[in-house]
Amino acid sequence: FEVGCVQFGDFVLHSGAHSPIYVDLRRLVAYPRVMEQIALEYQRLLQPLDYKRIAAIPYAGLPIGTAVALLTGDPLIYPRREAKAYGTGRLIEGEYTPGERAVLLDDLITTGGSKLEAAEPLLAAGLIVEDVVVLIDREQGGAADLAAHGMLLHAACSLREIVGALVSLGKLDRDAQQRVESYLDGRG
């Protein structure tokens, strides 16, 4: 919140829907100490999981994944949105072996759509992807979407938890909290 990653107002999301809250974790690259704290939280989420590689989703997930890989020593790969028309033309950057388990890493989840899309080239290359780790669950169906495709979501916190903490710390008023909760409940 203090570095501007969590903002309140009226925001148009990628889907075209309006939201009273916006989370922009791409800003983390400007705050190395905050990024380090975030990487430690991802490390906590990853500890009980069975995986060989971290597969970070560009764009917001890639710098976070890099910080986590530097902290944990885990190898990092990332799926490209499209193959390059030059060079190797690969859809996945980094080294991997078919049959290895990869954990998908991103900044947050709203629905599971972008995670499932990012998993496609990994699965097509023979990697096993059953776990997705994010910092924030926006609580808008992402966990259920992933579960329908055999993947389990692991989130450090939810949007409601963030809003509740900000109210408790006196950084957000209850009216703003109510707007966000109404939105999350489908009433906003």
N, C-alpha and C. Protein backbone atom coordinates (compact mmCIF):
# COMPACT_ATOMS: atom_id res chain seq x y z
N PHE A 1 0.83 -1.19 0.00
CA PHE A 1 0.00 0.00 0.00
C PHE A 1 0.87 1.25 0.00
N GLU A 2 1.89 1.27 0.85
CA GLU A 2 2.73 2.46 0.98
C GLU A 2 3.58 2.73 -0.26
N VAL A 3 3.87 1.70 -1.06
CA VAL A 3 4.64 1.93 -2.28
C VAL A 3 3.73 2.01 -3.52
N GLY A 4 2.44 2.08 -3.29
CA GLY A 4 1.49 2.28 -4.39
C GLY A 4 1.06 1.04 -5.13
N CYS A 5 1.34 -0.13 -4.59
CA CYS A 5 0.92 -1.36 -5.26
C CYS A 5 -0.57 -1.64 -5.09
N VAL A 6 -1.15 -1.14 -4.02
CA VAL A 6 -2.58 -1.30 -3.77
C VAL A 6 -3.20 0.09 -3.76
N GLN A 7 -4.15 0.30 -4.67
CA GLN A 7 -4.77 1.61 -4.83
C GLN A 7 -6.29 1.48 -4.79
N PHE A 8 -6.94 2.55 -4.35
CA PHE A 8 -8.40 2.57 -4.25
C PHE A 8 -8.95 3.70 -5.11
N GLY A 9 -10.07 3.45 -5.75
CA GLY A 9 -10.71 4.42 -6.64
C GLY A 9 -11.65 3.69 -7.57
N ASP A 10 -11.68 4.09 -8.83
CA ASP A 10 -12.49 3.42 -9.85
C ASP A 10 -11.56 3.04 -10.99
N PHE A 11 -11.32 1.76 -11.14
CA PHE A 11 -10.35 1.27 -12.11
C PHE A 11 -11.03 0.33 -13.10
N VAL A 12 -10.64 0.43 -14.36
CA VAL A 12 -11.12 -0.50 -15.38
C VAL A 12 -10.09 -1.62 -15.49
N LEU A 13 -10.56 -2.85 -15.30
CA LEU A 13 -9.68 -4.01 -15.35
C LEU A 13 -9.52 -4.50 -16.79
N HIS A 14 -8.60 -5.43 -16.99
CA HIS A 14 -8.34 -6.03 -18.31
C HIS A 14 -9.63 -6.55 -18.93
N SER A 15 -10.52 -7.08 -18.11
CA SER A 15 -11.79 -7.63 -18.58
C SER A 15 -12.78 -6.56 -19.02
N GLY A 16 -12.51 -5.29 -18.67
CA GLY A 16 -13.44 -4.20 -18.96
C GLY A 16 -14.32 -3.85 -17.77
N ALA A 17 -14.32 -4.72 -16.75
CA ALA A 17 -15.12 -4.47 -15.55
C ALA A 17 -14.48 -3.35 -14.72
N HIS A 18 -15.32 -2.68 -13.93
CA HIS A 18 -14.83 -1.64 -13.02
C HIS A 18 -14.57 -2.25 -11.65
N SER A 19 -13.54 -1.78 -10.98
CA SER A 19 -13.17 -2.28 -9.66
C SER A 19 -12.82 -1.10 -8.75
N PRO A 20 -13.21 -1.16 -7.46
CA PRO A 20 -12.85 -0.11 -6.51
C PRO A 20 -11.43 -0.26 -5.96
N ILE A 21 -10.75 -1.32 -6.37
CA ILE A 21 -9.38 -1.57 -5.89
C ILE A 21 -8.54 -2.06 -7.07
N TYR A 22 -7.30 -1.62 -7.08
CA TYR A 22 -6.37 -2.05 -8.12
C TYR A 22 -5.07 -2.46 -7.46
N VAL A 23 -4.55 -3.59 -7.89
CA VAL A 23 -3.29 -4.10 -7.37
C VAL A 23 -2.29 -4.14 -8.53
N ASP A 24 -1.20 -3.40 -8.39
CA ASP A 24 -0.19 -3.32 -9.44
C ASP A 24 1.17 -3.71 -8.85
N LEU A 25 1.46 -5.01 -8.88
CA LEU A 25 2.71 -5.49 -8.31
C LEU A 25 3.89 -5.33 -9.25
N ARG A 26 3.67 -4.79 -10.45
CA ARG A 26 4.79 -4.47 -11.33
C ARG A 26 5.64 -3.34 -10.72
N ARG A 27 5.07 -2.59 -9.82
CA ARG A 27 5.79 -1.50 -9.15
C ARG A 27 6.89 -2.01 -8.21
N LEU A 28 6.82 -3.28 -7.83
CA LEU A 28 7.78 -3.84 -6.88
C LEU A 28 9.23 -3.72 -7.35
N VAL A 29 9.46 -3.69 -8.66
CA VAL A 29 10.84 -3.64 -9.16
C VAL A 29 11.55 -2.37 -8.71
N ALA A 30 10.81 -1.34 -8.34
CA ALA A 30 11.41 -0.08 -7.88
C ALA A 30 11.71 -0.10 -6.38
N TYR A 31 11.33 -1.17 -5.68
CA TYR A 31 11.49 -1.25 -4.23
C TYR A 31 12.14 -2.57 -3.85
N PRO A 32 13.48 -2.66 -3.95
CA PRO A 32 14.17 -3.93 -3.71
C PRO A 32 13.90 -4.54 -2.33
N ARG A 33 13.78 -3.74 -1.29
CA ARG A 33 13.55 -4.30 0.06
C ARG A 33 12.15 -4.90 0.16
N VAL A 34 11.18 -4.26 -0.47
CA VAL A 34 9.82 -4.82 -0.49
C VAL A 34 9.81 -6.10 -1.32
N MET A 35 10.51 -6.08 -2.46
CA MET A 35 10.60 -7.27 -3.30
C MET A 35 11.23 -8.43 -2.52
N GLU A 36 12.22 -8.12 -1.71
CA GLU A 36 12.86 -9.15 -0.89
C GLU A 36 11.86 -9.76 0.10
N GLN A 37 11.05 -8.92 0.73
CA GLN A 37 10.03 -9.42 1.66
C GLN A 37 9.02 -10.30 0.93
N ILE A 38 8.64 -9.88 -0.27
CA ILE A 38 7.70 -10.66 -1.08
C ILE A 38 8.32 -12.01 -1.43
N ALA A 39 9.60 -12.00 -1.84
CA ALA A 39 10.27 -13.25 -2.20
C ALA A 39 10.31 -14.22 -1.01
N LEU A 40 10.51 -13.69 0.19
CA LEU A 40 10.49 -14.53 1.39
C LEU A 40 9.12 -15.17 1.59
N GLU A 41 8.06 -14.44 1.29
CA GLU A 41 6.71 -14.98 1.43
C GLU A 41 6.47 -16.09 0.40
N TYR A 42 6.94 -15.88 -0.82
CA TYR A 42 6.83 -16.94 -1.83
C TYR A 42 7.63 -18.17 -1.40
N GLN A 43 8.80 -17.96 -0.83
CA GLN A 43 9.61 -19.08 -0.37
C GLN A 43 8.82 -19.90 0.65
N ARG A 44 8.11 -19.23 1.54
CA ARG A 44 7.28 -19.92 2.53
C ARG A 44 6.19 -20.75 1.84
N LEU A 45 5.56 -20.17 0.81
CA LEU A 45 4.52 -20.89 0.08
C LEU A 45 5.07 -22.10 -0.66
N LEU A 46 6.29 -21.97 -1.16
CA LEU A 46 6.89 -23.04 -1.97
C LEU A 46 7.42 -24.21 -1.15
N GLN A 47 7.81 -23.97 0.10
CA GLN A 47 8.49 -24.99 0.89
C GLN A 47 7.79 -26.35 0.91
N PRO A 48 6.47 -26.43 1.11
CA PRO A 48 5.86 -27.76 1.16
C PRO A 48 5.56 -28.39 -0.20
N LEU A 49 5.79 -27.67 -1.28
CA LEU A 49 5.40 -28.16 -2.60
C LEU A 49 6.49 -29.02 -3.22
N ASP A 50 6.07 -29.92 -4.09
CA ASP A 50 6.97 -30.81 -4.82
C ASP A 50 7.14 -30.27 -6.23
N TYR A 51 8.33 -29.75 -6.55
CA TYR A 51 8.60 -29.19 -7.87
C TYR A 51 10.09 -29.19 -8.13
N LYS A 52 10.45 -29.08 -9.40
CA LYS A 52 11.86 -29.03 -9.80
C LYS A 52 12.23 -27.63 -10.31
N ARG A 53 11.25 -26.93 -10.89
CA ARG A 53 11.50 -25.61 -11.48
C ARG A 53 10.37 -24.64 -11.15
N ILE A 54 10.73 -23.38 -11.08
CA ILE A 54 9.74 -22.30 -10.98
C ILE A 54 9.47 -21.82 -12.39
N ALA A 55 8.20 -21.73 -12.75
CA ALA A 55 7.79 -21.20 -14.06
C ALA A 55 7.07 -19.88 -13.80
N ALA A 56 7.78 -18.78 -14.00
CA ALA A 56 7.22 -17.45 -13.73
C ALA A 56 6.49 -16.93 -14.96
N ILE A 57 5.35 -16.30 -14.73
CA ILE A 57 4.53 -15.78 -15.82
C ILE A 57 4.89 -14.32 -16.09
N PRO A 58 5.33 -14.01 -17.31
CA PRO A 58 5.55 -12.61 -17.65
C PRO A 58 4.22 -11.85 -17.64
N TYR A 59 4.14 -10.64 -17.30
CA TYR A 59 5.22 -9.73 -17.02
C TYR A 59 5.43 -9.56 -15.52
N ALA A 60 4.41 -9.35 -14.76
CA ALA A 60 4.58 -9.07 -13.32
C ALA A 60 5.22 -10.24 -12.58
N GLY A 61 4.93 -11.46 -12.98
CA GLY A 61 5.48 -12.61 -12.28
C GLY A 61 6.95 -12.87 -12.54
N LEU A 62 7.47 -12.35 -13.65
CA LEU A 62 8.85 -12.65 -14.01
C LEU A 62 9.88 -12.01 -13.08
N PRO A 63 9.79 -10.72 -12.74
CA PRO A 63 10.77 -10.19 -11.78
C PRO A 63 10.59 -10.80 -10.39
N ILE A 64 9.36 -11.11 -10.02
CA ILE A 64 9.13 -11.75 -8.72
C ILE A 64 9.76 -13.14 -8.74
N GLY A 65 9.51 -13.89 -9.83
CA GLY A 65 10.09 -15.23 -9.96
C GLY A 65 11.60 -15.20 -9.93
N THR A 66 12.20 -14.18 -10.53
CA THR A 66 13.66 -14.05 -10.50
C THR A 66 14.15 -13.83 -9.08
N ALA A 67 13.47 -12.97 -8.33
CA ALA A 67 13.84 -12.72 -6.92
C ALA A 67 13.71 -14.00 -6.10
N VAL A 68 12.63 -14.74 -6.34
CA VAL A 68 12.41 -15.99 -5.60
C VAL A 68 13.48 -17.02 -5.97
N ALA A 69 13.81 -17.14 -7.25
CA ALA A 69 14.84 -18.10 -7.68
C ALA A 69 16.20 -17.75 -7.08
N LEU A 70 16.51 -16.46 -7.01
CA LEU A 70 17.78 -16.06 -6.39
C LEU A 70 17.80 -16.41 -4.90
N LEU A 71 16.66 -16.29 -4.25
CA LEU A 71 16.56 -16.61 -2.82
C LEU A 71 16.61 -18.12 -2.56
N THR A 72 15.86 -18.87 -3.36
CA THR A 72 15.73 -20.32 -3.10
C THR A 72 16.79 -21.16 -3.80
N GLY A 73 17.37 -20.62 -4.87
CA GLY A 73 18.31 -21.40 -5.66
C GLY A 73 17.61 -22.32 -6.65
N ASP A 74 16.29 -22.21 -6.78
CA ASP A 74 15.54 -23.04 -7.72
C ASP A 74 15.70 -22.52 -9.13
N PRO A 75 15.84 -23.42 -10.12
CA PRO A 75 15.93 -22.99 -11.50
C PRO A 75 14.63 -22.33 -11.96
N LEU A 76 14.75 -21.33 -12.82
CA LEU A 76 13.61 -20.58 -13.31
C LEU A 76 13.45 -20.79 -14.82
N ILE A 77 12.22 -20.97 -15.24
CA ILE A 77 11.85 -20.96 -16.65
C ILE A 77 10.67 -20.02 -16.79
N TYR A 78 10.39 -19.64 -18.02
CA TYR A 78 9.17 -18.85 -18.22
C TYR A 78 8.59 -19.10 -19.61
N PRO A 79 7.25 -19.21 -19.63
CA PRO A 79 6.58 -19.39 -20.92
C PRO A 79 6.46 -18.04 -21.63
N ARG A 80 6.66 -18.05 -22.92
CA ARG A 80 6.49 -16.84 -23.72
C ARG A 80 5.04 -16.75 -24.18
N ARG A 81 4.59 -15.55 -24.42
CA ARG A 81 3.21 -15.37 -24.93
C ARG A 81 3.11 -15.85 -26.37
N GLU A 82 4.21 -15.71 -27.11
CA GLU A 82 4.28 -16.22 -28.47
C GLU A 82 5.74 -16.53 -28.78
N ALA A 83 5.94 -17.45 -29.69
CA ALA A 83 7.30 -17.82 -30.07
C ALA A 83 7.94 -16.66 -30.83
N LYS A 84 9.24 -16.48 -30.61
CA LYS A 84 9.97 -15.47 -31.36
C LYS A 84 10.05 -15.90 -32.82
N ALA A 85 10.02 -14.92 -33.72
CA ALA A 85 10.15 -15.22 -35.15
C ALA A 85 11.61 -15.30 -35.55
N TYR A 86 12.50 -15.21 -34.59
CA TYR A 86 13.94 -15.26 -34.85
C TYR A 86 14.60 -16.10 -33.76
N GLY A 87 15.87 -16.36 -33.92
CA GLY A 87 16.60 -17.14 -32.91
C GLY A 87 16.06 -18.55 -32.81
N THR A 88 15.85 -18.99 -31.59
CA THR A 88 15.43 -20.38 -31.36
C THR A 88 13.94 -20.60 -31.57
N GLY A 89 13.14 -19.55 -31.50
CA GLY A 89 11.70 -19.69 -31.67
C GLY A 89 11.02 -20.46 -30.55
N ARG A 90 11.65 -20.49 -29.39
CA ARG A 90 11.14 -21.27 -28.26
C ARG A 90 9.90 -20.62 -27.63
N LEU A 91 9.02 -21.45 -27.10
CA LEU A 91 7.87 -20.98 -26.34
C LEU A 91 8.16 -20.96 -24.84
N ILE A 92 9.24 -21.62 -24.44
CA ILE A 92 9.63 -21.65 -23.04
C ILE A 92 11.11 -21.29 -22.97
N GLU A 93 11.43 -20.27 -22.17
CA GLU A 93 12.82 -19.87 -22.00
C GLU A 93 13.38 -20.54 -20.75
N GLY A 94 14.63 -20.95 -20.83
CA GLY A 94 15.28 -21.64 -19.73
C GLY A 94 15.41 -23.12 -20.03
N GLU A 95 16.07 -23.84 -19.14
CA GLU A 95 16.30 -25.26 -19.34
C GLU A 95 15.33 -26.09 -18.51
N TYR A 96 14.88 -27.19 -19.10
CA TYR A 96 13.95 -28.10 -18.42
C TYR A 96 14.00 -29.44 -19.14
N THR A 97 13.45 -30.43 -18.49
CA THR A 97 13.34 -31.77 -19.07
C THR A 97 11.88 -32.21 -18.98
N PRO A 98 11.32 -32.71 -20.07
CA PRO A 98 9.94 -33.21 -20.00
C PRO A 98 9.81 -34.21 -18.84
N GLY A 99 8.69 -34.15 -18.16
CA GLY A 99 8.44 -35.01 -17.01
C GLY A 99 8.73 -34.34 -15.68
N GLU A 100 9.46 -33.22 -15.71
CA GLU A 100 9.74 -32.48 -14.47
C GLU A 100 8.50 -31.74 -14.00
N ARG A 101 8.45 -31.53 -12.69
CA ARG A 101 7.35 -30.76 -12.08
C ARG A 101 7.76 -29.29 -12.02
N ALA A 102 6.87 -28.45 -12.50
CA ALA A 102 7.10 -27.00 -12.43
C ALA A 102 5.95 -26.38 -11.65
N VAL A 103 6.28 -25.42 -10.80
CA VAL A 103 5.26 -24.67 -10.09
C VAL A 103 5.11 -23.34 -10.82
N LEU A 104 3.88 -22.99 -11.15
CA LEU A 104 3.60 -21.75 -11.86
C LEU A 104 3.55 -20.61 -10.84
N LEU A 105 4.25 -19.52 -11.11
CA LEU A 105 4.33 -18.39 -10.19
C LEU A 105 3.88 -17.12 -10.89
N ASP A 106 2.99 -16.38 -10.23
CA ASP A 106 2.54 -15.08 -10.75
C ASP A 106 2.28 -14.15 -9.59
N ASP A 107 1.94 -12.91 -9.90
CA ASP A 107 1.74 -11.91 -8.85
C ASP A 107 0.41 -12.08 -8.13
N LEU A 108 -0.67 -12.23 -8.90
CA LEU A 108 -2.00 -12.38 -8.29
C LEU A 108 -2.88 -13.18 -9.21
N ILE A 109 -4.07 -13.51 -8.72
CA ILE A 109 -5.03 -14.24 -9.53
C ILE A 109 -6.40 -13.62 -9.35
N THR A 110 -7.09 -13.44 -10.47
CA THR A 110 -8.48 -13.00 -10.45
C THR A 110 -9.29 -14.23 -10.85
N THR A 111 -9.37 -14.49 -12.14
CA THR A 111 -9.90 -15.78 -12.61
C THR A 111 -8.66 -16.62 -12.94
N GLY A 112 -8.86 -17.84 -13.30
CA GLY A 112 -7.70 -18.68 -13.61
C GLY A 112 -7.24 -18.60 -15.05
N GLY A 113 -7.90 -17.78 -15.87
CA GLY A 113 -7.64 -17.74 -17.30
C GLY A 113 -6.20 -17.55 -17.71
N SER A 114 -5.55 -16.53 -17.20
CA SER A 114 -4.16 -16.26 -17.63
C SER A 114 -3.21 -17.33 -17.11
N LYS A 115 -3.50 -17.94 -15.97
CA LYS A 115 -2.64 -19.01 -15.45
C LYS A 115 -2.77 -20.26 -16.32
N LEU A 116 -4.00 -20.57 -16.70
CA LEU A 116 -4.22 -21.73 -17.55
C LEU A 116 -3.59 -21.52 -18.93
N GLU A 117 -3.67 -20.31 -19.45
CA GLU A 117 -3.04 -19.98 -20.73
C GLU A 117 -1.52 -20.12 -20.64
N ALA A 118 -0.94 -19.63 -19.55
CA ALA A 118 0.52 -19.73 -19.37
C ALA A 118 0.96 -21.18 -19.19
N ALA A 119 0.10 -22.01 -18.61
CA ALA A 119 0.45 -23.42 -18.39
C ALA A 119 0.44 -24.23 -19.68
N GLU A 120 -0.30 -23.79 -20.69
CA GLU A 120 -0.44 -24.56 -21.93
C GLU A 120 0.89 -24.96 -22.55
N PRO A 121 1.81 -24.02 -22.82
CA PRO A 121 3.07 -24.45 -23.44
C PRO A 121 3.92 -25.34 -22.52
N LEU A 122 3.79 -25.14 -21.22
CA LEU A 122 4.53 -25.97 -20.27
C LEU A 122 4.03 -27.41 -20.34
N LEU A 123 2.72 -27.55 -20.31
CA LEU A 123 2.12 -28.88 -20.39
C LEU A 123 2.41 -29.53 -21.74
N ALA A 124 2.33 -28.75 -22.81
CA ALA A 124 2.61 -29.27 -24.15
C ALA A 124 4.06 -29.74 -24.28
N ALA A 125 4.96 -29.13 -23.50
CA ALA A 125 6.37 -29.52 -23.51
C ALA A 125 6.65 -30.72 -22.60
N GLY A 126 5.61 -31.24 -21.95
CA GLY A 126 5.78 -32.42 -21.11
C GLY A 126 6.06 -32.13 -19.65
N LEU A 127 5.98 -30.88 -19.25
CA LEU A 127 6.16 -30.54 -17.84
C LEU A 127 4.87 -30.85 -17.07
N ILE A 128 5.01 -31.14 -15.80
CA ILE A 128 3.86 -31.40 -14.92
C ILE A 128 3.62 -30.12 -14.12
N VAL A 129 2.42 -29.55 -14.25
CA VAL A 129 2.07 -28.32 -13.54
C VAL A 129 0.79 -28.58 -12.75
N GLU A 130 0.94 -28.67 -11.43
CA GLU A 130 -0.21 -28.93 -10.56
C GLU A 130 -0.41 -27.84 -9.51
N ASP A 131 0.59 -26.98 -9.32
CA ASP A 131 0.53 -25.95 -8.29
C ASP A 131 0.77 -24.57 -8.90
N VAL A 132 0.00 -23.60 -8.41
CA VAL A 132 0.14 -22.20 -8.81
C VAL A 132 0.31 -21.39 -7.53
N VAL A 133 1.36 -20.57 -7.46
CA VAL A 133 1.58 -19.71 -6.30
C VAL A 133 1.47 -18.25 -6.71
N VAL A 134 0.75 -17.51 -5.90
CA VAL A 134 0.57 -16.07 -6.11
C VAL A 134 0.66 -15.37 -4.77
N LEU A 135 0.91 -14.09 -4.80
CA LEU A 135 0.91 -13.31 -3.58
C LEU A 135 -0.53 -13.04 -3.14
N ILE A 136 -1.38 -12.64 -4.10
CA ILE A 136 -2.74 -12.20 -3.75
C ILE A 136 -3.79 -12.94 -4.57
N ASP A 137 -4.79 -13.45 -3.87
CA ASP A 137 -5.98 -14.03 -4.49
C ASP A 137 -7.06 -12.95 -4.45
N ARG A 138 -7.49 -12.49 -5.63
CA ARG A 138 -8.53 -11.46 -5.70
C ARG A 138 -9.92 -12.05 -5.38
N GLU A 139 -9.98 -13.35 -5.15
CA GLU A 139 -11.21 -14.02 -4.72
C GLU A 139 -12.35 -13.88 -5.73
N GLN A 140 -12.00 -14.04 -7.01
CA GLN A 140 -13.01 -13.90 -8.06
C GLN A 140 -13.07 -15.14 -8.94
N GLY A 141 -12.87 -16.30 -8.33
CA GLY A 141 -13.04 -17.56 -9.03
C GLY A 141 -11.78 -18.25 -9.50
N GLY A 142 -10.63 -17.64 -9.28
CA GLY A 142 -9.38 -18.22 -9.75
C GLY A 142 -9.10 -19.61 -9.22
N ALA A 143 -9.27 -19.80 -7.92
CA ALA A 143 -8.98 -21.11 -7.32
C ALA A 143 -9.87 -22.19 -7.92
N ALA A 144 -11.15 -21.89 -8.11
CA ALA A 144 -12.08 -22.86 -8.69
C ALA A 144 -11.74 -23.15 -10.14
N ASP A 145 -11.36 -22.12 -10.92
CA ASP A 145 -10.97 -22.33 -12.31
C ASP A 145 -9.76 -23.26 -12.40
N LEU A 146 -8.76 -23.03 -11.54
CA LEU A 146 -7.58 -23.89 -11.54
C LEU A 146 -7.94 -25.31 -11.13
N ALA A 147 -8.74 -25.43 -10.08
CA ALA A 147 -9.12 -26.76 -9.59
C ALA A 147 -9.83 -27.58 -10.67
N ALA A 148 -10.64 -26.90 -11.49
CA ALA A 148 -11.34 -27.59 -12.57
C ALA A 148 -10.36 -28.17 -13.60
N HIS A 149 -9.13 -27.69 -13.59
CA HIS A 149 -8.09 -28.19 -14.50
C HIS A 149 -6.99 -28.94 -13.75
N GLY A 150 -7.29 -29.38 -12.52
CA GLY A 150 -6.35 -30.20 -11.76
C GLY A 150 -5.20 -29.45 -11.13
N MET A 151 -5.36 -28.14 -10.94
CA MET A 151 -4.29 -27.34 -10.33
C MET A 151 -4.77 -26.76 -9.01
N LEU A 152 -3.83 -26.62 -8.08
CA LEU A 152 -4.13 -26.11 -6.75
C LEU A 152 -3.51 -24.73 -6.58
N LEU A 153 -4.30 -23.79 -6.08
CA LEU A 153 -3.83 -22.43 -5.83
C LEU A 153 -3.25 -22.31 -4.43
N HIS A 154 -2.10 -21.62 -4.33
CA HIS A 154 -1.47 -21.30 -3.06
C HIS A 154 -1.26 -19.79 -3.05
N ALA A 155 -1.97 -19.08 -2.19
CA ALA A 155 -1.88 -17.62 -2.14
C ALA A 155 -1.43 -17.18 -0.75
N ALA A 156 -0.60 -16.15 -0.73
CA ALA A 156 -0.13 -15.62 0.56
C ALA A 156 -1.26 -14.92 1.30
N CYS A 157 -2.13 -14.24 0.57
CA CYS A 157 -3.24 -13.53 1.21
C CYS A 157 -4.34 -13.26 0.19
N SER A 158 -5.48 -12.84 0.70
CA SER A 158 -6.61 -12.49 -0.15
C SER A 158 -6.80 -10.98 -0.15
N LEU A 159 -7.58 -10.52 -1.10
CA LEU A 159 -7.89 -9.09 -1.17
C LEU A 159 -8.62 -8.63 0.09
N ARG A 160 -9.53 -9.46 0.59
CA ARG A 160 -10.25 -9.10 1.83
C ARG A 160 -9.28 -8.95 3.01
N GLU A 161 -8.28 -9.83 3.07
CA GLU A 161 -7.30 -9.75 4.16
C GLU A 161 -6.49 -8.46 4.07
N ILE A 162 -6.12 -8.08 2.86
CA ILE A 162 -5.36 -6.84 2.68
C ILE A 162 -6.20 -5.65 3.12
N VAL A 163 -7.43 -5.59 2.66
CA VAL A 163 -8.32 -4.48 3.00
C VAL A 163 -8.57 -4.45 4.50
N GLY A 164 -8.82 -5.60 5.10
CA GLY A 164 -9.03 -5.66 6.56
C GLY A 164 -7.81 -5.17 7.33
N ALA A 165 -6.61 -5.55 6.87
CA ALA A 165 -5.39 -5.11 7.54
C ALA A 165 -5.22 -3.60 7.41
N LEU A 166 -5.53 -3.04 6.25
CA LEU A 166 -5.41 -1.60 6.06
C LEU A 166 -6.38 -0.84 6.95
N VAL A 167 -7.58 -1.38 7.14
CA VAL A 167 -8.55 -0.75 8.05
C VAL A 167 -8.02 -0.82 9.48
N SER A 168 -7.51 -1.99 9.88
CA SER A 168 -6.97 -2.16 11.23
C SER A 168 -5.81 -1.21 11.51
N LEU A 169 -5.01 -0.92 10.49
CA LEU A 169 -3.87 -0.03 10.64
C LEU A 169 -4.24 1.45 10.51
N GLY A 170 -5.52 1.72 10.25
CA GLY A 170 -5.96 3.10 10.11
C GLY A 170 -5.58 3.74 8.78
N LYS A 171 -5.26 2.94 7.78
CA LYS A 171 -4.85 3.47 6.48
C LYS A 171 -6.00 3.47 5.47
N LEU A 172 -7.13 2.90 5.86
CA LEU A 172 -8.29 2.82 4.98
C LEU A 172 -9.54 2.92 5.84
N ASP A 173 -10.56 3.63 5.36
CA ASP A 173 -11.79 3.75 6.15
C ASP A 173 -12.74 2.60 5.83
N ARG A 174 -13.71 2.44 6.70
CA ARG A 174 -14.66 1.33 6.58
C ARG A 174 -15.55 1.46 5.33
N ASP A 175 -15.81 2.70 4.87
CA ASP A 175 -16.59 2.87 3.64
C ASP A 175 -15.87 2.25 2.45
N ALA A 176 -14.58 2.49 2.34
CA ALA A 176 -13.79 1.91 1.26
C ALA A 176 -13.77 0.39 1.39
N GLN A 177 -13.65 -0.10 2.62
CA GLN A 177 -13.68 -1.54 2.85
C GLN A 177 -15.01 -2.12 2.37
N GLN A 178 -16.09 -1.45 2.70
CA GLN A 178 -17.41 -1.93 2.30
C GLN A 178 -17.57 -1.94 0.78
N ARG A 179 -17.04 -0.92 0.09
CA ARG A 179 -17.10 -0.88 -1.37
C ARG A 179 -16.37 -2.09 -1.97
N VAL A 180 -15.18 -2.38 -1.43
CA VAL A 180 -14.42 -3.51 -1.95
C VAL A 180 -15.14 -4.82 -1.66
N GLU A 181 -15.64 -4.99 -0.46
CA GLU A 181 -16.32 -6.24 -0.11
C GLU A 181 -17.61 -6.42 -0.91
N SER A 182 -18.33 -5.34 -1.16
CA SER A 182 -19.53 -5.43 -2.00
C SER A 182 -19.15 -5.84 -3.41
N TYR A 183 -18.09 -5.26 -3.91
CA TYR A 183 -17.60 -5.62 -5.24
C TYR A 183 -17.24 -7.11 -5.28
N LEU A 184 -16.51 -7.60 -4.28
CA LEU A 184 -16.10 -9.00 -4.25
C LEU A 184 -17.29 -9.93 -4.09
N ASP A 185 -18.33 -9.45 -3.42
CA ASP A 185 -19.55 -10.26 -3.24
C ASP A 185 -20.46 -10.18 -4.46
N GLY A 186 -20.05 -9.43 -5.48
CA GLY A 186 -20.85 -9.30 -6.69
C GLY A 186 -21.94 -8.25 -6.62
N ARG A 187 -21.86 -7.40 -5.60
CA ARG A 187 -22.87 -6.36 -5.44
C ARG A 187 -22.36 -5.00 -5.86
N GLY A 188 -21.10 -4.94 -6.29
CA GLY A 188 -20.50 -3.64 -6.60
C GLY A 188 -20.41 -3.39 -8.08
